N, C-alpha and C. Protein backbone atom coordinates (compact mmCIF):
# COMPACT_ATOMS: atom_id res chain seq x y z
N MET A 1 -7.41 -5.98 -5.41
CA MET A 1 -8.21 -5.70 -4.69
C MET A 1 -7.12 -5.31 -3.37
N VAL A 2 -7.67 -3.95 -3.03
CA VAL A 2 -6.85 -3.33 -1.87
C VAL A 2 -7.76 -2.81 -0.87
N LEU A 3 -7.35 -3.58 0.29
CA LEU A 3 -8.17 -2.93 1.51
C LEU A 3 -7.37 -1.87 2.30
N LEU A 4 -8.17 -1.07 2.58
CA LEU A 4 -8.12 0.36 3.75
C LEU A 4 -8.54 0.23 4.67
N HIS A 5 -7.88 0.25 5.80
CA HIS A 5 -8.55 0.07 7.29
C HIS A 5 -8.61 1.65 7.98
N GLY A 6 -9.36 1.51 8.92
CA GLY A 6 -9.53 2.70 9.77
C GLY A 6 -8.61 3.01 10.93
N THR A 7 -8.99 3.76 11.84
CA THR A 7 -8.37 4.50 12.75
C THR A 7 -8.06 3.74 13.86
N PHE A 8 -6.91 3.50 14.62
CA PHE A 8 -6.26 2.45 15.58
C PHE A 8 -6.86 1.17 15.20
N SER A 9 -6.54 1.14 13.86
CA SER A 9 -7.25 -0.24 13.68
C SER A 9 -5.90 -1.13 12.57
N THR A 10 -6.03 -2.27 11.89
CA THR A 10 -5.25 -2.83 10.99
C THR A 10 -6.38 -3.62 9.97
N VAL A 11 -5.73 -4.00 8.97
CA VAL A 11 -6.43 -4.75 8.11
C VAL A 11 -6.86 -6.02 8.67
N ALA A 12 -6.33 -6.68 9.28
CA ALA A 12 -6.70 -8.14 9.90
C ALA A 12 -7.94 -7.60 11.07
N SER A 13 -7.72 -6.57 11.62
CA SER A 13 -8.72 -6.10 12.67
C SER A 13 -10.24 -5.72 12.25
N ASN A 14 -10.17 -5.08 10.82
CA ASN A 14 -11.32 -4.37 10.23
C ASN A 14 -12.03 -5.52 9.10
N PHE A 15 -11.00 -6.45 8.77
CA PHE A 15 -11.51 -7.09 7.30
C PHE A 15 -11.56 -8.37 7.52
N ALA A 16 -11.38 -8.96 8.86
CA ALA A 16 -11.53 -10.42 9.00
C ALA A 16 -12.57 -11.23 8.34
N SER A 17 -13.83 -10.69 8.51
CA SER A 17 -15.18 -11.56 7.47
C SER A 17 -14.93 -11.24 6.29
N LEU A 18 -14.30 -9.91 5.71
CA LEU A 18 -14.47 -9.74 4.54
C LEU A 18 -13.89 -10.18 3.52
N VAL A 19 -12.46 -10.48 3.96
CA VAL A 19 -11.13 -11.01 3.32
C VAL A 19 -11.85 -12.67 2.59
N PRO A 20 -12.26 -13.34 3.32
CA PRO A 20 -12.58 -14.77 2.79
C PRO A 20 -13.76 -14.76 1.67
N ALA A 21 -14.75 -13.96 2.13
CA ALA A 21 -15.80 -13.61 0.89
C ALA A 21 -15.30 -12.91 -0.02
N LEU A 22 -14.36 -12.36 -0.07
CA LEU A 22 -13.59 -11.75 -1.52
C LEU A 22 -12.71 -12.88 -2.26
N GLN A 23 -12.18 -13.59 -1.23
CA GLN A 23 -11.20 -14.63 -1.98
C GLN A 23 -12.26 -15.63 -2.53
N ALA A 24 -13.38 -16.03 -2.07
CA ALA A 24 -14.07 -16.91 -2.61
C ALA A 24 -14.98 -16.84 -3.99
N THR A 25 -14.64 -15.55 -4.15
CA THR A 25 -15.24 -15.09 -5.66
C THR A 25 -13.98 -15.10 -6.61
N GLY A 26 -13.01 -15.43 -5.99
CA GLY A 26 -11.86 -15.77 -7.04
C GLY A 26 -10.75 -14.45 -6.98
N ARG A 27 -10.73 -13.59 -6.06
CA ARG A 27 -10.17 -12.23 -6.21
C ARG A 27 -9.05 -12.38 -5.19
N CYS A 28 -7.88 -11.73 -5.92
CA CYS A 28 -6.65 -11.59 -5.02
C CYS A 28 -6.76 -10.50 -4.12
N VAL A 29 -6.53 -10.42 -3.14
CA VAL A 29 -6.74 -9.54 -1.72
C VAL A 29 -5.45 -9.08 -1.47
N TYR A 30 -5.43 -7.98 -1.11
CA TYR A 30 -4.06 -7.35 -0.79
C TYR A 30 -4.46 -5.96 0.42
N GLY A 31 -3.72 -6.34 1.56
CA GLY A 31 -3.92 -5.10 2.30
C GLY A 31 -2.70 -4.39 2.81
N LEU A 32 -2.38 -3.23 3.19
CA LEU A 32 -1.74 -2.75 4.08
C LEU A 32 -1.92 -1.86 5.15
N ASP A 33 -1.14 -2.04 6.30
CA ASP A 33 -1.31 -1.48 7.66
C ASP A 33 -0.26 -0.15 7.67
N TYR A 34 -1.20 0.89 7.80
CA TYR A 34 -0.30 2.00 7.44
C TYR A 34 -0.58 2.92 8.52
N GLY A 35 0.46 3.89 8.81
CA GLY A 35 0.28 5.06 9.73
C GLY A 35 0.21 4.55 11.19
N GLY A 36 0.79 3.49 11.94
CA GLY A 36 0.89 3.12 13.10
C GLY A 36 -0.61 2.51 13.72
N ARG A 37 -1.21 1.85 13.05
CA ARG A 37 -2.73 1.79 13.08
C ARG A 37 -3.61 2.67 12.87
N GLY A 38 -2.96 3.24 12.04
CA GLY A 38 -4.08 4.65 11.44
C GLY A 38 -3.96 5.54 12.40
N THR A 39 -3.01 5.70 12.89
CA THR A 39 -3.03 7.39 13.96
C THR A 39 -1.83 8.17 12.98
N GLY A 40 -1.22 7.83 12.42
CA GLY A 40 0.15 8.60 11.46
C GLY A 40 -0.90 9.62 10.78
N PRO A 41 0.01 10.93 10.19
CA PRO A 41 -0.77 11.80 9.27
C PRO A 41 -1.28 11.15 8.24
N ILE A 42 -2.61 11.87 7.46
CA ILE A 42 -3.00 10.79 6.46
C ILE A 42 -2.67 11.01 5.20
N ALA A 43 -1.89 12.19 5.00
CA ALA A 43 -0.99 12.35 3.90
C ALA A 43 0.32 11.32 3.53
N GLU A 44 0.43 10.97 4.91
CA GLU A 44 1.76 9.94 4.71
C GLU A 44 1.05 8.70 4.55
N SER A 45 0.05 8.29 5.17
CA SER A 45 -0.61 7.09 4.91
C SER A 45 -1.16 6.84 3.48
N ALA A 46 -1.35 7.91 2.72
CA ALA A 46 -2.03 8.07 1.19
C ALA A 46 -0.67 7.76 0.42
N ALA A 47 0.27 8.29 0.77
CA ALA A 47 1.62 8.18 0.05
C ALA A 47 2.06 6.72 0.10
N ALA A 48 1.76 5.99 1.23
CA ALA A 48 2.24 4.67 1.12
C ALA A 48 1.29 3.86 0.57
N VAL A 49 0.01 3.90 0.55
CA VAL A 49 -0.76 3.36 -0.27
C VAL A 49 -0.61 3.30 -1.65
N ARG A 50 -0.16 4.48 -2.21
CA ARG A 50 -0.06 4.67 -3.57
C ARG A 50 1.32 3.89 -3.81
N ALA A 51 2.37 3.94 -3.21
CA ALA A 51 3.51 2.88 -3.47
C ALA A 51 2.84 1.45 -3.24
N PHE A 52 2.28 1.09 -2.45
CA PHE A 52 1.86 -0.15 -2.32
C PHE A 52 0.58 -0.60 -3.68
N VAL A 53 0.10 0.48 -3.65
CA VAL A 53 -0.93 -0.03 -5.06
C VAL A 53 0.29 -0.28 -6.36
N ASP A 54 0.99 0.46 -6.55
CA ASP A 54 2.31 0.09 -7.52
C ASP A 54 2.79 -1.21 -7.40
N GLU A 55 3.26 -1.65 -6.13
CA GLU A 55 3.44 -3.00 -5.77
C GLU A 55 2.42 -3.90 -6.46
N VAL A 56 1.38 -3.98 -5.97
CA VAL A 56 0.00 -5.00 -6.53
C VAL A 56 0.13 -4.93 -7.94
N LEU A 57 0.08 -3.87 -8.50
CA LEU A 57 -0.14 -3.90 -9.87
C LEU A 57 1.31 -4.34 -10.54
N ALA A 58 2.32 -4.58 -10.10
CA ALA A 58 3.45 -5.15 -10.61
C ALA A 58 3.24 -6.48 -10.56
N VAL A 59 2.82 -6.98 -9.25
CA VAL A 59 2.81 -8.25 -8.70
C VAL A 59 1.70 -8.83 -9.85
N THR A 60 0.58 -8.18 -9.76
CA THR A 60 -0.73 -9.09 -10.77
C THR A 60 -0.88 -8.74 -12.20
N GLY A 61 -0.01 -7.67 -12.49
CA GLY A 61 0.32 -7.47 -14.06
C GLY A 61 -0.86 -7.04 -14.57
N THR A 62 -1.53 -6.14 -13.66
CA THR A 62 -3.07 -5.58 -14.12
C THR A 62 -2.81 -4.00 -14.19
N ASP A 63 -3.88 -3.35 -14.67
CA ASP A 63 -3.58 -1.89 -14.69
C ASP A 63 -4.15 -0.99 -13.78
N GLN A 64 -5.28 -1.87 -13.13
CA GLN A 64 -6.12 -1.12 -12.22
C GLN A 64 -6.40 -2.07 -10.95
N VAL A 65 -6.56 -1.32 -9.67
CA VAL A 65 -7.44 -2.10 -8.67
C VAL A 65 -8.69 -1.86 -8.11
N ASP A 66 -9.18 -2.36 -7.73
CA ASP A 66 -10.47 -2.06 -6.61
C ASP A 66 -10.06 -1.58 -5.50
N VAL A 67 -10.79 -0.88 -4.68
CA VAL A 67 -10.36 -0.60 -3.33
C VAL A 67 -11.76 -0.57 -2.52
N VAL A 68 -11.42 -1.49 -1.23
CA VAL A 68 -12.54 -1.10 -0.34
C VAL A 68 -11.73 -0.50 1.03
N GLY A 69 -12.45 0.63 1.04
CA GLY A 69 -11.67 1.69 2.31
C GLY A 69 -12.91 1.81 3.60
N TYR A 70 -12.54 1.41 4.39
CA TYR A 70 -13.27 1.61 5.80
C TYR A 70 -12.82 2.80 6.75
N SER A 71 -13.99 3.44 6.85
CA SER A 71 -13.81 4.84 7.74
C SER A 71 -12.64 5.72 7.13
N GLN A 72 -11.50 5.94 8.08
CA GLN A 72 -10.15 6.45 7.65
C GLN A 72 -10.10 6.21 6.40
N GLY A 73 -9.91 4.74 6.29
CA GLY A 73 -9.72 4.41 4.76
C GLY A 73 -10.15 5.33 3.46
N GLY A 74 -11.43 5.61 3.63
CA GLY A 74 -11.79 6.29 2.74
C GLY A 74 -11.21 7.77 2.46
N LEU A 75 -10.86 8.16 3.58
CA LEU A 75 -10.02 9.78 3.41
C LEU A 75 -8.65 9.48 2.76
N VAL A 76 -8.15 8.33 3.41
CA VAL A 76 -6.83 8.00 2.93
C VAL A 76 -6.56 7.59 1.17
N LEU A 77 -7.87 7.19 0.93
CA LEU A 77 -7.87 6.94 -0.51
C LEU A 77 -8.11 8.01 -1.26
N ARG A 78 -9.02 9.16 -0.53
CA ARG A 78 -9.45 10.44 -1.13
C ARG A 78 -7.94 11.09 -1.43
N THR A 79 -7.29 11.07 -0.41
CA THR A 79 -5.97 11.70 -0.65
C THR A 79 -5.11 11.42 -1.37
N ALA A 80 -4.72 9.93 -1.86
CA ALA A 80 -3.90 9.39 -2.55
C ALA A 80 -4.46 9.70 -3.98
N LEU A 81 -5.77 9.66 -4.35
CA LEU A 81 -6.28 10.04 -5.59
C LEU A 81 -6.02 11.31 -6.06
N ARG A 82 -6.20 12.03 -5.04
CA ARG A 82 -5.92 13.59 -5.25
C ARG A 82 -4.17 13.98 -5.35
N GLN A 83 -3.39 13.82 -4.59
CA GLN A 83 -2.27 14.14 -4.08
C GLN A 83 -1.24 13.46 -4.46
N ASP A 84 -1.80 12.16 -4.80
CA ASP A 84 -0.35 11.22 -5.02
C ASP A 84 -0.54 10.46 -6.46
N GLY A 85 -1.18 11.00 -7.32
CA GLY A 85 -1.54 10.49 -8.62
C GLY A 85 -2.19 9.22 -8.74
N LEU A 86 -2.95 8.62 -7.62
CA LEU A 86 -3.40 7.71 -7.75
C LEU A 86 -5.01 7.21 -8.77
N ALA A 87 -5.46 8.18 -9.24
CA ALA A 87 -6.33 7.88 -9.93
C ALA A 87 -6.86 7.09 -11.40
N PRO A 88 -5.81 7.40 -11.78
CA PRO A 88 -5.68 6.30 -13.18
C PRO A 88 -5.42 4.80 -12.75
N LYS A 89 -5.43 4.66 -11.50
CA LYS A 89 -4.94 3.03 -11.21
C LYS A 89 -5.79 2.44 -10.41
N VAL A 90 -7.34 3.32 -10.06
CA VAL A 90 -8.30 2.74 -9.39
C VAL A 90 -9.65 2.67 -10.03
N ALA A 91 -10.19 1.48 -10.08
CA ALA A 91 -11.22 1.25 -11.12
C ALA A 91 -12.70 1.81 -10.22
N THR A 92 -12.89 0.84 -9.24
CA THR A 92 -14.16 1.08 -8.15
C THR A 92 -13.56 1.58 -6.57
N ALA A 93 -14.29 2.22 -6.23
CA ALA A 93 -13.91 2.19 -4.70
C ALA A 93 -15.17 1.72 -3.89
N VAL A 94 -15.33 1.02 -2.89
CA VAL A 94 -16.40 0.72 -2.16
C VAL A 94 -15.89 1.18 -0.89
N LEU A 95 -16.57 2.38 -0.10
CA LEU A 95 -16.33 2.93 0.83
C LEU A 95 -17.47 2.65 1.88
N ILE A 96 -16.99 2.17 3.29
CA ILE A 96 -17.87 1.67 4.23
C ILE A 96 -17.68 2.63 5.41
N ALA A 97 -18.79 3.55 5.86
CA ALA A 97 -18.74 4.73 6.59
C ALA A 97 -17.63 5.47 6.55
N PRO A 98 -17.27 5.81 5.40
CA PRO A 98 -15.83 6.66 5.30
C PRO A 98 -15.96 7.96 5.72
N SER A 99 -15.01 8.47 6.15
CA SER A 99 -14.56 9.87 6.66
C SER A 99 -14.07 10.82 5.55
N PHE A 100 -14.92 10.73 4.59
CA PHE A 100 -14.50 11.42 3.36
C PHE A 100 -14.34 12.98 3.29
N HIS A 101 -15.30 13.36 4.05
CA HIS A 101 -15.56 15.08 3.98
C HIS A 101 -15.14 15.14 5.71
N GLY A 102 -14.48 14.25 6.26
CA GLY A 102 -14.36 14.55 7.90
C GLY A 102 -15.47 14.18 8.63
N THR A 103 -15.48 14.54 10.21
CA THR A 103 -16.24 14.17 11.08
C THR A 103 -16.49 15.25 11.89
N THR A 104 -17.76 15.61 12.35
CA THR A 104 -17.98 16.49 13.58
C THR A 104 -18.26 15.88 14.90
N SER A 105 -17.54 14.80 15.08
CA SER A 105 -17.83 14.27 16.27
C SER A 105 -16.96 14.69 17.30
N PRO A 106 -17.70 15.01 18.53
CA PRO A 106 -16.72 15.59 19.73
C PRO A 106 -15.55 14.40 20.20
N LEU A 107 -15.69 13.21 19.60
CA LEU A 107 -14.66 12.22 20.22
C LEU A 107 -13.29 13.00 19.65
N ILE A 108 -13.24 13.67 18.61
CA ILE A 108 -11.88 13.94 17.75
C ILE A 108 -11.58 14.97 18.89
N ALA A 109 -12.36 15.89 19.44
CA ALA A 109 -11.43 16.81 20.34
C ALA A 109 -11.06 16.38 21.28
N ALA A 110 -11.83 15.21 21.91
CA ALA A 110 -11.51 14.59 23.19
C ALA A 110 -9.78 13.85 23.53
N LEU A 111 -9.37 13.90 22.32
CA LEU A 111 -8.31 13.26 22.47
C LEU A 111 -7.06 13.95 22.77
N PRO A 112 -6.02 13.51 23.43
CA PRO A 112 -4.79 14.55 23.57
C PRO A 112 -4.35 15.06 22.25
N ALA A 113 -3.93 16.27 22.82
CA ALA A 113 -3.37 16.83 21.09
C ALA A 113 -2.02 16.21 20.99
N GLY A 114 -1.91 15.96 19.68
CA GLY A 114 -0.87 15.41 18.90
C GLY A 114 -0.66 13.57 19.09
N ALA A 115 -1.91 13.13 19.76
CA ALA A 115 -1.74 11.82 20.08
C ALA A 115 -2.06 10.78 18.58
N CYS A 116 -2.88 11.46 17.91
CA CYS A 116 -3.40 10.98 16.56
C CYS A 116 -3.57 11.91 15.71
N PRO A 117 -2.38 12.18 14.79
CA PRO A 117 -2.60 13.31 13.66
C PRO A 117 -3.66 12.92 12.74
N ALA A 118 -3.66 11.34 12.35
CA ALA A 118 -4.89 11.31 11.70
C ALA A 118 -6.33 11.49 12.02
N CYS A 119 -6.64 11.65 13.46
CA CYS A 119 -7.51 12.03 14.02
C CYS A 119 -7.91 13.65 13.76
N ALA A 120 -6.62 14.17 13.83
CA ALA A 120 -6.95 15.76 13.43
C ALA A 120 -7.38 15.83 12.15
N ASP A 121 -6.48 15.35 11.51
CA ASP A 121 -6.94 15.21 9.76
C ASP A 121 -8.23 15.00 9.61
N GLN A 122 -8.78 14.47 10.35
CA GLN A 122 -10.19 13.98 9.90
C GLN A 122 -11.32 14.87 10.82
N ALA A 123 -10.81 15.71 11.41
CA ALA A 123 -11.72 16.90 11.95
C ALA A 123 -12.29 17.57 10.84
N ALA A 124 -13.41 17.67 10.91
CA ALA A 124 -14.27 18.43 9.76
C ALA A 124 -13.34 20.01 9.74
N GLY A 125 -13.40 20.62 8.35
CA GLY A 125 -12.71 21.87 8.31
C GLY A 125 -10.92 21.71 8.77
N SER A 126 -10.29 20.36 8.91
CA SER A 126 -8.84 20.56 9.32
C SER A 126 -8.44 20.80 7.63
N ALA A 127 -7.06 21.14 7.92
CA ALA A 127 -6.25 21.84 6.93
C ALA A 127 -6.35 20.79 5.77
N LEU A 128 -6.10 19.60 5.96
CA LEU A 128 -6.06 18.64 5.01
C LEU A 128 -7.27 18.49 3.95
N LEU A 129 -8.48 18.69 4.74
CA LEU A 129 -9.86 18.43 4.28
C LEU A 129 -9.93 19.77 3.58
N THR A 130 -9.72 21.19 3.76
CA THR A 130 -9.57 22.06 3.34
C THR A 130 -9.00 22.31 1.81
N GLU A 131 -7.90 21.66 1.95
CA GLU A 131 -7.18 21.67 0.55
C GLU A 131 -7.55 20.52 -0.27
N LEU A 132 -8.32 19.67 0.23
CA LEU A 132 -8.82 18.49 -0.75
C LEU A 132 -9.77 19.10 -1.06
N ALA A 133 -10.89 19.82 -0.90
CA ALA A 133 -12.08 20.43 -1.11
C ALA A 133 -11.91 21.51 -2.28
N ALA A 134 -10.93 21.98 -2.18
CA ALA A 134 -10.49 23.27 -3.16
C ALA A 134 -10.82 22.63 -4.68
N ALA A 135 -10.31 20.82 -4.66
CA ALA A 135 -10.20 20.63 -5.72
C ALA A 135 -11.43 19.95 -6.73
N GLY A 136 -12.60 19.80 -5.30
CA GLY A 136 -13.56 18.75 -5.45
C GLY A 136 -13.36 17.56 -4.93
N ASP A 137 -14.47 16.41 -5.15
CA ASP A 137 -14.57 15.31 -4.57
C ASP A 137 -14.05 14.01 -5.59
N LEU A 138 -14.43 14.38 -7.04
CA LEU A 138 -14.12 13.16 -7.68
C LEU A 138 -12.88 13.47 -8.63
N VAL A 139 -11.67 12.09 -8.75
CA VAL A 139 -10.82 12.39 -9.34
C VAL A 139 -10.69 11.25 -10.31
N GLY A 140 -10.18 11.40 -11.62
CA GLY A 140 -10.29 10.62 -12.93
C GLY A 140 -11.42 9.68 -13.08
N ASP A 141 -11.78 8.69 -13.39
CA ASP A 141 -12.49 7.94 -13.62
C ASP A 141 -13.18 6.58 -12.47
N VAL A 142 -12.79 7.13 -11.54
CA VAL A 142 -13.36 6.16 -10.43
C VAL A 142 -14.76 6.14 -9.84
N ARG A 143 -15.28 5.11 -10.20
CA ARG A 143 -16.56 4.90 -9.52
C ARG A 143 -16.72 4.59 -7.84
N TYR A 144 -17.81 4.90 -7.39
CA TYR A 144 -17.80 5.03 -5.67
C TYR A 144 -19.16 4.32 -5.27
N ALA A 145 -19.06 3.40 -4.53
CA ALA A 145 -20.13 3.05 -3.73
C ALA A 145 -20.21 3.05 -2.27
N VAL A 146 -21.04 3.81 -1.75
CA VAL A 146 -20.80 3.99 -0.28
C VAL A 146 -22.23 3.70 0.92
N LEU A 147 -21.73 2.86 1.70
CA LEU A 147 -22.69 2.43 2.50
C LEU A 147 -22.45 3.01 3.92
N SER A 148 -23.61 3.90 4.73
CA SER A 148 -23.25 4.59 5.85
C SER A 148 -24.62 3.91 6.66
N SER A 149 -24.53 4.26 8.09
CA SER A 149 -25.57 3.66 8.89
C SER A 149 -25.85 5.01 10.13
N LYS A 150 -27.34 5.27 10.05
CA LYS A 150 -27.88 6.17 10.59
C LYS A 150 -27.46 5.76 12.23
N ASP A 151 -27.20 5.04 12.74
CA ASP A 151 -26.50 4.66 14.14
C ASP A 151 -25.11 5.12 14.34
N ASP A 152 -24.35 5.57 13.24
CA ASP A 152 -23.31 5.90 13.39
C ASP A 152 -22.92 7.15 14.19
N THR A 153 -21.64 7.17 15.01
CA THR A 153 -21.71 8.49 16.04
C THR A 153 -20.09 8.77 16.04
N ILE A 154 -19.65 8.05 15.02
CA ILE A 154 -17.89 8.38 14.76
C ILE A 154 -17.68 9.55 13.42
N VAL A 155 -18.60 8.93 12.44
CA VAL A 155 -18.27 9.76 11.38
C VAL A 155 -19.66 10.22 10.90
N THR A 156 -19.72 12.03 11.53
CA THR A 156 -20.90 12.79 11.50
C THR A 156 -20.54 14.06 10.77
N PRO A 157 -21.82 14.40 10.29
CA PRO A 157 -23.19 13.74 9.91
C PRO A 157 -22.95 12.86 8.78
N ILE A 158 -23.87 11.43 8.90
CA ILE A 158 -23.49 10.58 7.70
C ILE A 158 -23.58 11.10 6.36
N GLU A 159 -24.22 11.85 5.98
CA GLU A 159 -24.23 12.67 4.83
C GLU A 159 -23.07 13.03 4.36
N SER A 160 -21.87 13.20 5.26
CA SER A 160 -20.61 13.82 4.76
C SER A 160 -19.69 12.41 4.05
N GLN A 161 -20.33 11.79 4.50
CA GLN A 161 -19.44 10.23 4.26
C GLN A 161 -19.42 9.89 2.56
N VAL A 162 -20.52 10.61 1.85
CA VAL A 162 -20.78 10.33 0.33
C VAL A 162 -20.05 11.54 -0.42
N PRO A 163 -19.06 11.17 -1.38
CA PRO A 163 -18.61 12.13 -2.42
C PRO A 163 -19.55 12.78 -2.91
N VAL A 164 -19.47 13.97 -3.27
CA VAL A 164 -20.44 14.72 -4.45
C VAL A 164 -20.14 14.50 -5.91
N GLY A 165 -21.11 13.87 -6.47
CA GLY A 165 -20.98 13.52 -8.16
C GLY A 165 -22.21 12.80 -8.40
N PRO A 166 -21.91 12.81 -9.58
CA PRO A 166 -22.97 12.05 -10.74
C PRO A 166 -23.50 10.83 -10.25
N ALA A 167 -24.56 10.64 -10.50
CA ALA A 167 -25.41 9.26 -10.07
C ALA A 167 -24.23 7.94 -10.83
N ASP A 168 -23.87 8.38 -11.93
CA ASP A 168 -23.11 7.06 -12.85
C ASP A 168 -21.90 7.11 -12.19
N ARG A 169 -21.50 8.03 -11.06
CA ARG A 169 -20.18 7.59 -10.63
C ARG A 169 -20.21 7.61 -9.09
N VAL A 170 -21.30 7.59 -8.57
CA VAL A 170 -21.35 7.93 -7.20
C VAL A 170 -22.99 7.08 -6.78
N THR A 171 -22.61 6.21 -6.23
CA THR A 171 -24.26 5.13 -5.82
C THR A 171 -23.85 5.29 -4.20
N SER A 172 -25.14 5.41 -3.43
CA SER A 172 -24.80 5.69 -1.67
C SER A 172 -26.12 4.79 -1.30
N LEU A 173 -25.99 4.10 -0.28
CA LEU A 173 -27.04 3.53 0.49
C LEU A 173 -26.81 3.56 2.06
N VAL A 174 -27.87 4.03 2.41
CA VAL A 174 -27.96 4.10 3.89
C VAL A 174 -28.76 2.44 4.17
N LEU A 175 -28.13 2.08 5.13
CA LEU A 175 -28.34 0.91 5.84
C LEU A 175 -29.71 0.42 6.12
N GLN A 176 -30.44 1.59 6.94
CA GLN A 176 -31.51 1.40 7.48
C GLN A 176 -32.67 1.74 6.38
N ASP A 177 -32.13 2.29 5.15
CA ASP A 177 -33.61 2.44 4.12
C ASP A 177 -33.73 1.06 3.77
N GLN A 178 -32.76 0.18 3.40
CA GLN A 178 -32.95 -1.32 3.27
C GLN A 178 -33.18 -2.08 4.29
N CYS A 179 -32.83 -1.93 5.96
CA CYS A 179 -33.42 -2.78 6.51
C CYS A 179 -33.68 -1.74 7.82
N PRO A 180 -34.63 -1.40 7.66
CA PRO A 180 -35.42 -0.44 8.72
C PRO A 180 -35.08 -0.78 10.31
N ALA A 181 -35.24 -1.83 10.45
CA ALA A 181 -35.29 -2.35 12.05
C ALA A 181 -33.84 -2.58 12.35
N GLU A 182 -32.94 -2.38 11.66
CA GLU A 182 -31.34 -2.94 11.82
C GLU A 182 -30.74 -1.89 12.65
N ARG A 183 -30.02 -2.27 13.59
CA ARG A 183 -29.15 -1.21 14.34
C ARG A 183 -27.64 -1.81 14.25
N LEU A 184 -27.03 -0.76 13.60
CA LEU A 184 -25.72 -1.18 13.49
C LEU A 184 -24.79 -0.18 13.71
N ASP A 185 -23.93 0.35 14.58
CA ASP A 185 -22.82 1.14 14.51
C ASP A 185 -21.78 1.22 13.71
N HIS A 186 -20.86 2.11 13.87
CA HIS A 186 -19.77 2.43 12.89
C HIS A 186 -18.82 1.42 13.16
N VAL A 187 -18.41 0.60 14.28
CA VAL A 187 -17.37 -0.22 14.71
C VAL A 187 -17.78 -1.38 13.94
N TRP A 188 -18.88 -1.90 13.80
CA TRP A 188 -19.36 -3.18 13.60
C TRP A 188 -19.85 -3.38 12.00
N LEU A 189 -19.90 -2.42 11.32
CA LEU A 189 -20.22 -2.42 9.97
C LEU A 189 -19.38 -3.35 9.06
N PRO A 190 -18.30 -3.33 8.92
CA PRO A 190 -17.53 -3.92 8.19
C PRO A 190 -17.50 -5.55 8.58
N ALA A 191 -18.07 -5.70 9.49
CA ALA A 191 -18.08 -7.53 9.79
C ALA A 191 -19.30 -7.92 9.84
N ASP A 192 -20.51 -6.93 9.39
CA ASP A 192 -21.49 -7.40 9.34
C ASP A 192 -21.67 -8.33 8.44
N PRO A 193 -22.47 -9.65 8.07
CA PRO A 193 -22.56 -10.33 7.36
C PRO A 193 -23.36 -9.65 5.72
N GLY A 194 -24.56 -8.83 6.06
CA GLY A 194 -25.36 -8.22 5.04
C GLY A 194 -24.35 -7.18 4.34
N VAL A 195 -23.64 -6.63 5.01
CA VAL A 195 -22.77 -5.61 4.47
C VAL A 195 -21.69 -5.96 3.73
N VAL A 196 -21.05 -7.11 4.44
CA VAL A 196 -20.24 -7.92 3.16
C VAL A 196 -20.86 -8.63 1.91
N SER A 197 -22.17 -9.00 2.14
CA SER A 197 -22.62 -9.26 0.89
C SER A 197 -22.95 -8.50 0.04
N TRP A 198 -22.97 -6.92 0.38
CA TRP A 198 -23.13 -5.67 -0.03
C TRP A 198 -21.82 -5.04 -1.27
N ILE A 199 -20.80 -5.43 -0.13
CA ILE A 199 -19.45 -4.96 -0.60
C ILE A 199 -19.22 -5.81 -2.18
N VAL A 200 -19.31 -7.42 -1.60
CA VAL A 200 -19.18 -8.11 -3.05
C VAL A 200 -19.77 -7.97 -3.74
N GLN A 201 -21.01 -7.32 -4.01
CA GLN A 201 -22.03 -7.36 -4.91
C GLN A 201 -21.70 -6.01 -5.84
N ALA A 202 -21.10 -4.97 -4.64
CA ALA A 202 -20.76 -3.66 -5.34
C ALA A 202 -19.25 -3.76 -6.33
N LEU A 203 -18.66 -4.54 -5.64
CA LEU A 203 -17.41 -4.71 -6.75
C LEU A 203 -17.85 -5.76 -7.94
N THR A 204 -18.58 -6.52 -7.77
CA THR A 204 -18.95 -7.43 -9.16
C THR A 204 -19.99 -6.67 -10.02
N ASN A 205 -20.48 -5.54 -9.33
CA ASN A 205 -21.12 -4.49 -10.50
C ASN A 205 -20.36 -3.27 -10.76
N ASP A 206 -19.31 -3.44 -10.67
CA ASP A 206 -18.57 -2.26 -11.09
C ASP A 206 -18.93 -0.80 -10.26
N GLY A 207 -19.37 -1.07 -8.94
CA GLY A 207 -19.55 0.15 -7.98
C GLY A 207 -20.87 0.50 -8.38
N THR A 208 -22.10 -0.27 -8.80
CA THR A 208 -23.40 -0.02 -8.83
C THR A 208 -24.26 -1.19 -8.21
N PRO A 209 -24.26 -1.65 -6.81
CA PRO A 209 -25.01 -2.51 -6.34
C PRO A 209 -26.30 -2.43 -6.51
N ASP A 210 -26.86 -3.50 -6.02
CA ASP A 210 -28.37 -3.70 -6.05
C ASP A 210 -28.77 -3.34 -4.61
N PRO A 211 -29.76 -2.29 -3.89
CA PRO A 211 -29.72 -2.55 -2.46
C PRO A 211 -30.04 -3.79 -2.08
N ALA A 212 -30.81 -4.71 -2.69
CA ALA A 212 -31.20 -5.99 -2.29
C ALA A 212 -30.04 -6.52 -1.90
N ALA A 213 -28.84 -6.50 -2.15
CA ALA A 213 -27.73 -7.36 -1.83
C ALA A 213 -27.32 -7.03 -0.40
N LEU A 214 -27.64 -5.99 0.14
CA LEU A 214 -27.68 -5.74 1.51
C LEU A 214 -28.64 -6.52 2.24
N THR A 215 -28.34 -7.80 2.70
CA THR A 215 -29.20 -8.71 3.46
C THR A 215 -29.45 -8.23 4.87
N CYS A 216 -30.89 -8.68 5.18
CA CYS A 216 -30.98 -7.69 6.63
C CYS A 216 -31.30 -9.08 7.90
N ARG A 217 -30.69 -8.69 9.11
CA ARG A 217 -30.69 -9.71 9.91
C ARG A 217 -32.01 -10.28 10.53
């Protein structure tokens, strides 16, 4: 089990609530802090993730890992699957508000040029995203479960968070479709108890979680 964090973040800052929940199910949980708190070029972070997964497989003696990617972590995974040959080594990817197709948020343009290469890579239409799009969204046999929130103003539009693929490979849920009164923005998603429960169930069911696993507050 490998955790991939978001921009301006670390594994500890994004997944403090998730790690004990995963460990309680008997999973071995690994995480890598990449790209200088997720600010470095995504291609470099993706290459680091590929090398890290190889280390995890060697330590655990398994052939594949499951991955949870939050925000930028979803695009780092997409890049590693496509450009670094990681696809045969990943079974299930659970993505929380991933910048899978980038974002149109004006927050990206507000950053000083060169301050955050990963931010530029996540801007919709970036050179990286254009290159990835040319080969399609899905690689290998990886199964995806994606959770989004209508309150997200960081990765927009939220429809862009979901890989394009058949229903037997891609399951997606908008939080408010299950919990209409819930108000939860991008930053707080990975720490929410209901989201944590949904992630655990998504991993248990090989990427096809029951929406009811997302408990409402």
